[in-house]
């Protein structure tokens, strides 16, 4: 009996030691899937731009007129580009698709699951949105968990006029609770490479949390500026 109890204790200790490692492997796998999603979205953006005079998909959350200097852009809800379809946008065509939703509405992307990071634990998970995609005509709005910039740092909406290393789409920045990953962000660059931004010390994450009472447009604009400066090689 004593030998059996000792064996059970040892097994329990080994399982406890292995659980964090298993969790890390699962998160690493999800991070790879997330990066793959962004690559497919990037391909959709590239195909879209080729058919629309090199322009990025438009969004009601972008200023009416592009600016040559991102610093002079008027305040707007840059974080709201996670909305890809809504009854609140009656002026839109294509069944009210907007931003990244245009890639789906115009059949550049066929799978709605691509718009969702598997690590997301916040309010915008694919499991919760799947029925909305399947019953689009009966849905008030669809929200994804990738954030779309819509312009380059220079304000251009023409893909070839944007620096290839500039961040174009990233894991959601809407709130601390809705972050897709702990410790960093997958980022699609304008050159269509996907890279990982290591948020050392949770600089962006903590700033979003700490400045929740400030203008969210400015907070997200600051975050985009940091994501433009990813060091190292793209994945």
Protein backbone atom coordinates (compact mmCIF):
# COMPACT_ATOMS: atom_id res chain seq x y z
CA UNK A 1 0.00 0.00 0.00
CA UNK A 2 2.82 2.40 0.89
CA UNK A 3 4.57 1.61 -2.42
CA UNK A 4 1.34 2.32 -4.30
CA UNK A 5 0.85 5.66 -2.55
CA UNK A 6 4.45 6.64 -3.27
CA UNK A 7 3.96 5.73 -6.93
CA UNK A 8 0.77 7.82 -7.12
CA UNK A 9 2.54 10.79 -5.56
CA UNK A 10 5.40 10.50 -8.05
CA UNK A 11 2.96 10.27 -10.96
CA UNK A 12 1.11 13.32 -9.64
CA UNK A 13 4.33 15.31 -9.37
CA UNK A 14 5.36 14.32 -12.91
CA UNK A 15 1.95 15.32 -14.30
CA UNK A 16 2.16 18.67 -12.49
CA UNK A 17 5.60 19.26 -14.01
CA UNK A 18 4.43 18.32 -17.49
CA UNK A 19 1.25 20.43 -17.59
CA UNK A 20 3.02 23.79 -18.11
CA UNK A 21 5.11 22.27 -20.91
CA UNK A 22 1.99 20.85 -22.59
CA UNK A 23 0.29 24.22 -22.28
CA UNK A 24 3.28 25.93 -23.90
CA UNK A 25 3.25 23.45 -26.80
CA UNK A 26 -0.47 24.04 -27.35
CA UNK A 27 0.01 27.81 -27.37
CA UNK A 28 2.95 27.51 -29.77
CA UNK A 29 0.77 25.47 -32.12
CA UNK A 30 -2.02 28.02 -31.92
CA UNK A 31 0.44 30.81 -32.60
CA UNK A 32 1.55 29.03 -35.79
CA UNK A 33 -2.09 28.63 -36.88
CA UNK A 34 -2.68 32.31 -36.13
CA UNK A 35 0.30 33.26 -38.32
CA UNK A 36 -1.07 31.03 -41.08
CA UNK A 37 -4.42 32.82 -40.85
CA UNK A 38 -2.70 36.15 -41.31
CA UNK A 39 -0.77 34.86 -44.32
CA UNK A 40 -4.04 33.81 -45.96
CA UNK A 41 -5.62 37.17 -45.18
CA UNK A 42 -2.51 38.80 -46.64
CA UNK A 43 -2.96 36.81 -49.84
CA UNK A 44 -6.57 38.00 -49.97
CA UNK A 45 -5.44 41.61 -49.53
CA UNK A 46 -2.90 41.18 -52.34
CA UNK A 47 -5.49 39.72 -54.73
CA UNK A 48 -7.98 42.42 -53.79
CA UNK A 49 -5.46 45.19 -54.42
CA UNK A 50 -4.59 43.78 -57.84
CA UNK A 51 -8.25 44.01 -58.87
CA UNK A 52 -8.83 47.44 -57.30
CA UNK A 53 -5.97 49.55 -58.66
CA UNK A 54 -3.58 48.51 -55.87
CA UNK A 55 -5.86 49.96 -53.18
CA UNK A 56 -6.40 48.31 -49.82
CA UNK A 57 -9.95 47.36 -48.80
CA UNK A 58 -11.80 50.48 -47.67
CA UNK A 59 -13.46 50.91 -44.29
CA UNK A 60 -16.00 53.26 -42.76
CA UNK A 61 -13.57 53.57 -39.84
CA UNK A 62 -10.94 55.26 -42.00
CA UNK A 63 -10.87 59.02 -42.63
CA UNK A 64 -12.84 60.15 -45.68
CA UNK A 65 -9.67 61.33 -47.43
CA UNK A 66 -6.20 59.75 -47.12
CA UNK A 67 -3.42 61.88 -45.65
CA UNK A 68 0.28 61.98 -46.57
CA UNK A 69 1.18 62.13 -42.88
CA UNK A 70 -0.32 59.66 -40.44
CA UNK A 71 0.24 62.13 -37.60
CA UNK A 72 -2.25 64.53 -39.20
CA UNK A 73 -5.04 61.98 -39.54
CA UNK A 74 -8.20 63.05 -37.73
CA UNK A 75 -9.25 61.06 -34.69
CA UNK A 76 -11.30 58.00 -35.57
CA UNK A 77 -11.86 54.63 -33.99
CA UNK A 78 -8.94 52.73 -35.47
CA UNK A 79 -9.71 49.78 -33.20
CA UNK A 80 -13.21 49.39 -34.65
CA UNK A 81 -11.94 47.79 -37.86
CA UNK A 82 -12.56 44.46 -36.12
CA UNK A 83 -16.17 45.04 -37.25
CA UNK A 84 -16.35 43.48 -40.73
CA UNK A 85 -20.11 43.62 -41.17
CA UNK A 86 -22.89 45.48 -39.41
CA UNK A 87 -26.44 46.68 -39.79
CA UNK A 88 -25.10 50.04 -38.63
CA UNK A 89 -23.49 50.55 -42.06
CA UNK A 90 -26.51 50.86 -44.40
CA UNK A 91 -24.44 52.81 -46.93
CA UNK A 92 -22.26 49.79 -47.69
CA UNK A 93 -22.78 47.44 -50.60
CA UNK A 94 -21.76 43.78 -50.76
CA UNK A 95 -24.23 42.84 -48.01
CA UNK A 96 -22.74 45.52 -45.75
CA UNK A 97 -19.23 44.06 -45.69
CA UNK A 98 -16.50 46.44 -44.55
CA UNK A 99 -12.70 46.42 -44.29
CA UNK A 100 -11.36 42.86 -44.11
CA UNK A 101 -14.94 41.66 -44.55
CA UNK A 102 -14.77 42.76 -48.20
CA UNK A 103 -12.29 39.94 -48.80
CA UNK A 104 -15.00 37.47 -47.79
CA UNK A 105 -17.90 39.33 -49.39
CA UNK A 106 -16.08 39.47 -52.73
CA UNK A 107 -14.84 35.88 -52.43
CA UNK A 108 -11.11 36.47 -52.02
CA UNK A 109 -11.37 34.47 -48.78
CA UNK A 110 -13.77 31.54 -48.54
CA UNK A 111 -13.35 30.34 -44.94
CA UNK A 112 -14.67 32.58 -42.16
CA UNK A 113 -12.56 30.77 -39.53
CA UNK A 114 -9.45 32.44 -40.99
CA UNK A 115 -10.54 35.69 -39.32
CA UNK A 116 -10.16 34.22 -35.83
CA UNK A 117 -7.05 33.43 -33.81
CA UNK A 118 -7.41 30.04 -32.04
CA UNK A 119 -5.74 31.46 -28.91
CA UNK A 120 -8.36 34.18 -28.45
CA UNK A 121 -10.16 33.88 -25.11
CA UNK A 122 -11.97 37.22 -25.16
CA UNK A 123 -15.33 38.30 -26.55
CA UNK A 124 -14.77 37.49 -30.22
CA UNK A 125 -14.14 33.76 -30.57
CA UNK A 126 -15.00 31.85 -33.73
CA UNK A 127 -17.13 29.35 -31.81
CA UNK A 128 -19.37 32.24 -30.77
CA UNK A 129 -19.51 33.81 -34.25
CA UNK A 130 -19.85 30.70 -36.43
CA UNK A 131 -23.66 30.80 -36.55
CA UNK A 132 -23.56 34.48 -37.53
CA UNK A 133 -21.40 33.70 -40.55
CA UNK A 134 -23.67 30.83 -41.57
CA UNK A 135 -26.82 32.96 -41.20
CA UNK A 136 -25.50 36.27 -42.45
CA UNK A 137 -28.88 37.64 -43.51
CA UNK A 138 -30.22 37.28 -39.95
CA UNK A 139 -27.15 38.76 -38.22
CA UNK A 140 -26.85 42.32 -36.95
CA UNK A 141 -23.05 42.40 -36.89
CA UNK A 142 -19.92 40.28 -37.24
CA UNK A 143 -16.74 40.98 -35.29
CA UNK A 144 -13.35 39.31 -35.84
CA UNK A 145 -10.23 39.28 -33.66
CA UNK A 146 -7.68 40.65 -36.11
CA UNK A 147 -7.23 44.42 -36.31
CA UNK A 148 -6.94 46.07 -39.73
CA UNK A 149 -4.92 49.25 -40.13
CA UNK A 150 -6.20 50.20 -43.58
CA UNK A 151 -3.34 52.60 -44.34
CA UNK A 152 0.41 52.73 -44.19
CA UNK A 153 2.32 54.88 -41.67
CA UNK A 154 2.44 57.55 -44.39
CA UNK A 155 -1.35 57.54 -44.75
CA UNK A 156 -1.29 55.84 -48.15
CA UNK A 157 -3.93 53.26 -49.02
CA UNK A 158 -2.08 52.08 -52.11
CA UNK A 159 -0.29 48.83 -51.21
CA UNK A 160 2.87 49.40 -53.26
CA UNK A 161 3.32 52.88 -51.73
CA UNK A 162 3.58 51.42 -48.21
CA UNK A 163 6.92 50.36 -46.74
CA UNK A 164 7.10 46.55 -46.93
CA UNK A 165 7.91 46.22 -43.20
CA UNK A 166 5.02 48.40 -42.04
CA UNK A 167 2.37 46.64 -39.93
CA UNK A 168 -0.92 46.22 -41.79
CA UNK A 169 -2.94 43.66 -39.78
CA UNK A 170 -2.33 42.32 -36.29
CA UNK A 171 -3.89 40.45 -33.39
CA UNK A 172 -6.65 42.55 -31.89
CA UNK A 173 -5.65 45.61 -29.86
CA UNK A 174 -9.13 46.52 -28.68
CA UNK A 175 -8.59 45.79 -25.00
CA UNK A 176 -6.35 43.94 -22.58
CA UNK A 177 -9.03 41.29 -22.06
CA UNK A 178 -9.29 40.63 -25.80
CA UNK A 179 -5.59 40.13 -26.53
CA UNK A 180 -5.04 36.94 -28.55
CA UNK A 181 -1.66 35.95 -27.09
CA UNK A 182 0.34 36.54 -23.95
CA UNK A 183 3.66 38.27 -24.55
CA UNK A 184 3.33 39.40 -28.13
CA UNK A 185 1.48 39.78 -31.41
CA UNK A 186 1.48 38.15 -34.82
CA UNK A 187 1.76 40.91 -37.41
CA UNK A 188 1.12 40.92 -41.17
CA UNK A 189 3.40 43.43 -42.84
CA UNK A 190 2.64 45.37 -46.02
CA UNK A 191 5.16 43.18 -47.86
CA UNK A 192 2.86 40.25 -46.91
CA UNK A 193 5.38 38.62 -44.55
CA UNK A 194 4.15 37.58 -41.09
CA UNK A 195 6.38 38.30 -38.10
CA UNK A 196 6.10 38.01 -34.33
CA UNK A 197 6.34 41.12 -32.18
CA UNK A 198 7.76 40.20 -28.79
CA UNK A 199 5.99 42.57 -26.40
CA UNK A 200 8.80 42.61 -23.85
CA UNK A 201 7.47 43.62 -20.46
CA UNK A 202 3.95 43.73 -21.95
CA UNK A 203 4.68 47.27 -23.11
CA UNK A 204 1.77 47.48 -25.55
CA UNK A 205 -0.57 45.33 -23.47
CA UNK A 206 0.00 47.27 -20.27
CA UNK A 207 -0.26 50.58 -22.11
CA UNK A 208 -3.64 49.60 -23.49
CA UNK A 209 -4.77 48.67 -20.00
CA UNK A 210 -3.25 51.73 -18.30
CA UNK A 211 -4.58 54.19 -20.86
CA UNK A 212 -8.06 52.76 -21.16
CA UNK A 213 -9.50 56.16 -20.27
CA UNK A 214 -7.55 58.01 -22.96
CA UNK A 215 -8.50 58.47 -26.61
CA UNK A 216 -8.38 54.89 -27.94
CA UNK A 217 -7.50 56.17 -31.41
CA UNK A 218 -4.23 57.62 -30.13
CA UNK A 219 -3.46 54.53 -28.06
CA UNK A 220 -3.86 52.22 -31.05
CA UNK A 221 -1.92 54.61 -33.29
CA UNK A 222 1.00 54.43 -30.84
CA UNK A 223 0.77 50.63 -30.86
CA UNK A 224 0.90 50.52 -34.67
CA UNK A 225 4.05 52.63 -34.52
CA UNK A 226 5.72 50.05 -32.28
CA UNK A 227 4.62 47.17 -34.49
CA UNK A 228 6.26 48.92 -37.46
CA UNK A 229 9.61 48.40 -35.76
CA UNK A 230 9.76 44.61 -35.49
CA UNK A 231 13.42 43.49 -35.45
CA UNK A 232 14.75 40.31 -37.00
CA UNK A 233 13.69 38.09 -39.85
CA UNK A 234 10.06 37.55 -40.87
CA UNK A 235 8.67 34.04 -40.45
